Amino acid sequence: MWSSTEIPGKPSILAVDASRGLEGWEHEFMDRLFNSLKRSGLLLVTDTPLRIEQTHELEPHLSESFNCLLFFSHGEGERVPAAAKMQSHWDWLNIHGQLPPTFFAGLTCGSYDPTVSSQILQSRQTFAPLALAPQSPVTPREAGLFLLKFFTELHLHSAEAVSGKMVWFSYSKAKELLRRRRYTGKFGARC
């Protein structure tokens, strides 16, 4: 069910918006999600979502003290440049990121990519021993509710470390919230 993996410290989140605002709604969505997380008392390491176009723009921020990376970008799409897709960002983070073990929450709204979601959820050789990713197309509403519930639960129940057990528990609570509200979007967790 879950691994014995533990990432030291109370959850501290670096929220990254790599969407480039290609469809016009993404920046506003990420701002609303970020502000909701902040109002819930979660520890966010920046004052606003970090907006990037290329993954290497993260380098100056990788030394900041965080153990959770909330990463929003695009999955598939005809008008989405390769460098703006989650696949490109995921590959760079694993090859060049030089991150300590980190919890990774990947989000692609409206442009689900089953290949990269599968890689995020099944990779064993990665900077992210614990991870979360969509397993179906999700609407911004579904994603916002799920991630707010997930990170709130993780924050409440992870005083010393982010553990596989607490990722599983938080994932289960967030999944149940979507089910009760009759949303069809699905997320998966590697815990």
Protein backbone atom coordinates (compact mmCIF):
# COMPACT_ATOMS: atom_id res chain seq x y z
CA MET A 1 0.00 0.00 0.00
CA TRP A 2 2.70 2.52 0.97
CA SER A 3 6.46 2.52 1.33
CA SER A 4 8.56 3.28 4.38
CA THR A 5 9.93 6.36 2.59
CA GLU A 6 10.15 9.53 4.67
CA ILE A 7 11.12 12.98 3.43
CA PRO A 8 12.30 15.04 6.43
CA GLY A 9 10.38 18.09 7.62
CA LYS A 10 6.83 19.38 7.78
CA PRO A 11 5.42 19.83 4.25
CA SER A 12 6.83 22.99 2.65
CA ILE A 13 5.66 23.63 -0.90
CA LEU A 14 7.31 25.25 -3.90
CA ALA A 15 4.42 25.97 -6.30
CA VAL A 16 5.53 26.22 -9.93
CA ASP A 17 3.37 27.42 -12.81
CA ALA A 18 5.04 26.32 -16.03
CA SER A 19 1.83 26.61 -18.07
CA ARG A 20 2.94 29.79 -19.87
CA GLY A 21 -0.72 30.84 -19.79
CA LEU A 22 -1.11 29.29 -23.25
CA GLU A 23 -4.90 28.99 -23.03
CA GLY A 24 -5.47 32.18 -21.03
CA TRP A 25 -6.92 30.72 -17.80
CA GLU A 26 -3.93 28.96 -16.28
CA HIS A 27 -2.24 31.81 -14.36
CA GLU A 28 -5.49 32.84 -12.70
CA PHE A 29 -6.20 29.22 -11.74
CA MET A 30 -2.75 28.78 -10.20
CA ASP A 31 -3.06 32.09 -8.33
CA ARG A 32 -6.42 30.97 -6.85
CA LEU A 33 -5.01 27.56 -5.86
CA PHE A 34 -1.91 29.16 -4.34
CA ASN A 35 -4.01 31.65 -2.33
CA SER A 36 -6.30 28.86 -1.12
CA LEU A 37 -3.29 26.86 0.07
CA LYS A 38 -1.92 29.95 1.81
CA ARG A 39 -5.26 30.70 3.55
CA SER A 40 -5.29 27.10 4.80
CA GLY A 41 -2.07 27.77 6.68
CA LEU A 42 0.20 25.67 4.52
CA LEU A 43 3.90 26.53 4.34
CA LEU A 44 4.61 27.97 0.87
CA VAL A 45 8.23 28.97 0.20
CA THR A 46 7.44 31.86 -2.18
CA ASP A 47 4.95 34.72 -1.96
CA THR A 48 3.36 33.88 -5.32
CA PRO A 49 3.48 30.88 -7.65
CA LEU A 50 6.84 30.71 -9.39
CA ARG A 51 6.19 31.25 -13.12
CA ILE A 52 8.68 29.75 -15.53
CA GLU A 53 8.84 29.02 -19.26
CA GLN A 54 11.86 26.69 -19.26
CA THR A 55 12.61 24.20 -16.50
CA HIS A 56 16.18 25.43 -16.06
CA GLU A 57 14.71 28.70 -14.71
CA LEU A 58 14.08 26.72 -11.51
CA GLU A 59 17.81 26.41 -10.77
CA PRO A 60 18.09 29.51 -8.52
CA HIS A 61 15.12 28.24 -6.47
CA LEU A 62 16.26 24.65 -6.00
CA SER A 63 18.38 25.64 -3.01
CA GLU A 64 15.30 26.97 -1.18
CA SER A 65 14.00 24.93 1.70
CA PHE A 66 11.10 22.85 0.36
CA ASN A 67 10.23 19.17 0.36
CA CYS A 68 7.09 19.29 -1.82
CA LEU A 69 7.01 20.46 -5.42
CA LEU A 70 3.58 21.36 -6.84
CA PHE A 71 4.20 21.57 -10.58
CA PHE A 72 1.57 22.77 -13.06
CA SER A 73 2.13 22.52 -16.82
CA HIS A 74 0.59 21.03 -19.93
CA GLY A 75 0.29 17.40 -20.92
CA GLU A 76 -0.63 16.80 -24.52
CA GLY A 77 -1.92 19.31 -27.02
CA GLU A 78 -1.37 20.24 -30.65
CA ARG A 79 -0.55 23.86 -29.89
CA VAL A 80 1.64 23.11 -26.87
CA PRO A 81 5.38 23.45 -27.53
CA ALA A 82 7.41 20.45 -26.38
CA ALA A 83 9.27 22.59 -23.81
CA ALA A 84 5.94 23.53 -22.17
CA LYS A 85 4.85 19.92 -21.62
CA MET A 86 5.09 18.07 -18.32
CA GLN A 87 7.23 15.43 -20.04
CA SER A 88 9.99 17.95 -20.76
CA HIS A 89 9.89 19.33 -17.20
CA TRP A 90 9.82 15.85 -15.61
CA ASP A 91 12.80 14.72 -17.69
CA TRP A 92 14.83 17.83 -16.79
CA LEU A 93 14.06 17.55 -13.07
CA ASN A 94 15.23 13.93 -13.05
CA ILE A 95 18.39 14.56 -15.08
CA HIS A 96 19.52 18.08 -14.14
CA GLY A 97 17.53 19.10 -11.09
CA GLN A 98 19.88 17.64 -8.46
CA LEU A 99 17.06 17.78 -5.95
CA PRO A 100 17.11 15.95 -2.64
CA PRO A 101 14.25 13.47 -2.18
CA THR A 102 11.09 15.48 -2.79
CA PHE A 103 7.35 14.86 -2.93
CA PHE A 104 6.19 15.74 -6.46
CA ALA A 105 2.60 16.70 -7.29
CA GLY A 106 2.28 16.97 -11.07
CA LEU A 107 -0.77 18.69 -12.49
CA THR A 108 -1.96 18.91 -16.09
CA CYS A 109 -5.47 20.34 -16.45
CA GLY A 110 -7.37 19.78 -19.65
CA SER A 111 -4.42 18.22 -21.47
CA TYR A 112 -3.92 14.85 -19.83
CA ASP A 113 -0.85 12.86 -20.91
CA PRO A 114 -1.11 9.22 -19.79
CA THR A 115 2.54 8.54 -20.66
CA VAL A 116 4.05 11.17 -18.37
CA SER A 117 1.52 10.46 -15.61
CA SER A 118 2.53 6.81 -15.76
CA GLN A 119 6.22 7.76 -15.56
CA ILE A 120 5.61 10.02 -12.56
CA LEU A 121 3.62 7.33 -10.76
CA GLN A 122 5.85 4.36 -11.61
CA SER A 123 9.43 5.66 -11.80
CA ARG A 124 11.81 4.13 -9.29
CA GLN A 125 14.95 6.06 -10.33
CA THR A 126 13.78 9.58 -9.59
CA PHE A 127 14.24 12.56 -7.29
CA ALA A 128 10.61 12.04 -6.18
CA PRO A 129 10.17 8.85 -4.13
CA LEU A 130 6.60 10.02 -3.39
CA ALA A 131 4.41 11.47 -6.14
CA LEU A 132 0.95 12.39 -7.30
CA ALA A 133 -0.36 12.83 -10.87
CA PRO A 134 -3.66 12.80 -12.80
CA GLN A 135 -4.82 9.48 -14.18
CA SER A 136 -7.52 11.02 -16.37
CA PRO A 137 -8.35 14.45 -17.71
CA VAL A 138 -9.23 16.73 -14.78
CA THR A 139 -10.98 20.07 -14.75
CA PRO A 140 -9.44 23.01 -12.90
CA ARG A 141 -12.25 22.71 -10.32
CA GLU A 142 -11.50 19.03 -9.69
CA ALA A 143 -7.77 19.68 -9.50
CA GLY A 144 -8.16 22.61 -7.12
CA LEU A 145 -10.45 20.70 -4.73
CA PHE A 146 -8.29 17.59 -4.81
CA LEU A 147 -4.98 19.38 -4.24
CA LEU A 148 -6.33 21.68 -1.52
CA LYS A 149 -7.76 18.69 0.38
CA PHE A 150 -4.62 16.62 -0.20
CA PHE A 151 -2.14 19.24 1.00
CA THR A 152 -4.34 20.26 3.94
CA GLU A 153 -4.48 16.66 5.16
CA LEU A 154 -0.75 16.18 4.54
CA HIS A 155 0.00 19.34 6.55
CA LEU A 156 -2.25 18.27 9.45
CA HIS A 157 -0.77 14.78 9.75
CA SER A 158 2.92 15.26 8.89
CA ALA A 159 4.63 17.07 11.75
CA GLU A 160 8.13 15.60 11.39
CA ALA A 161 8.28 14.19 7.86
CA VAL A 162 6.33 13.53 4.68
CA SER A 163 5.88 9.76 4.74
CA GLY A 164 4.48 7.25 2.29
CA LYS A 165 1.75 6.43 4.80
CA MET A 166 0.66 10.08 5.12
CA VAL A 167 0.72 10.59 1.33
CA TRP A 168 -1.54 7.54 1.01
CA PHE A 169 -3.85 8.81 3.79
CA SER A 170 -4.07 12.33 2.32
CA TYR A 171 -4.59 10.92 -1.18
CA SER A 172 -7.44 8.72 0.11
CA LYS A 173 -9.16 11.68 1.76
CA ALA A 174 -8.86 13.87 -1.36
CA LYS A 175 -10.03 11.03 -3.61
CA GLU A 176 -13.09 10.51 -1.39
CA LEU A 177 -13.92 14.23 -1.56
CA LEU A 178 -14.05 14.07 -5.38
CA ARG A 179 -16.15 10.92 -5.25
CA ARG A 180 -18.65 12.44 -2.79
CA ARG A 181 -19.03 15.50 -4.99
CA ARG A 182 -19.51 13.25 -8.04
CA TYR A 183 -16.47 14.48 -9.95
CA THR A 184 -15.02 12.05 -12.46
CA GLY A 185 -11.38 13.21 -12.55
CA LYS A 186 -8.89 10.70 -11.20
CA PHE A 187 -5.50 11.08 -9.57
CA GLY A 188 -2.95 8.42 -8.73
CA ALA A 189 -0.32 8.33 -6.01
CA ARG A 190 3.05 6.66 -5.62
CA CYS A 191 3.53 6.29 -1.93
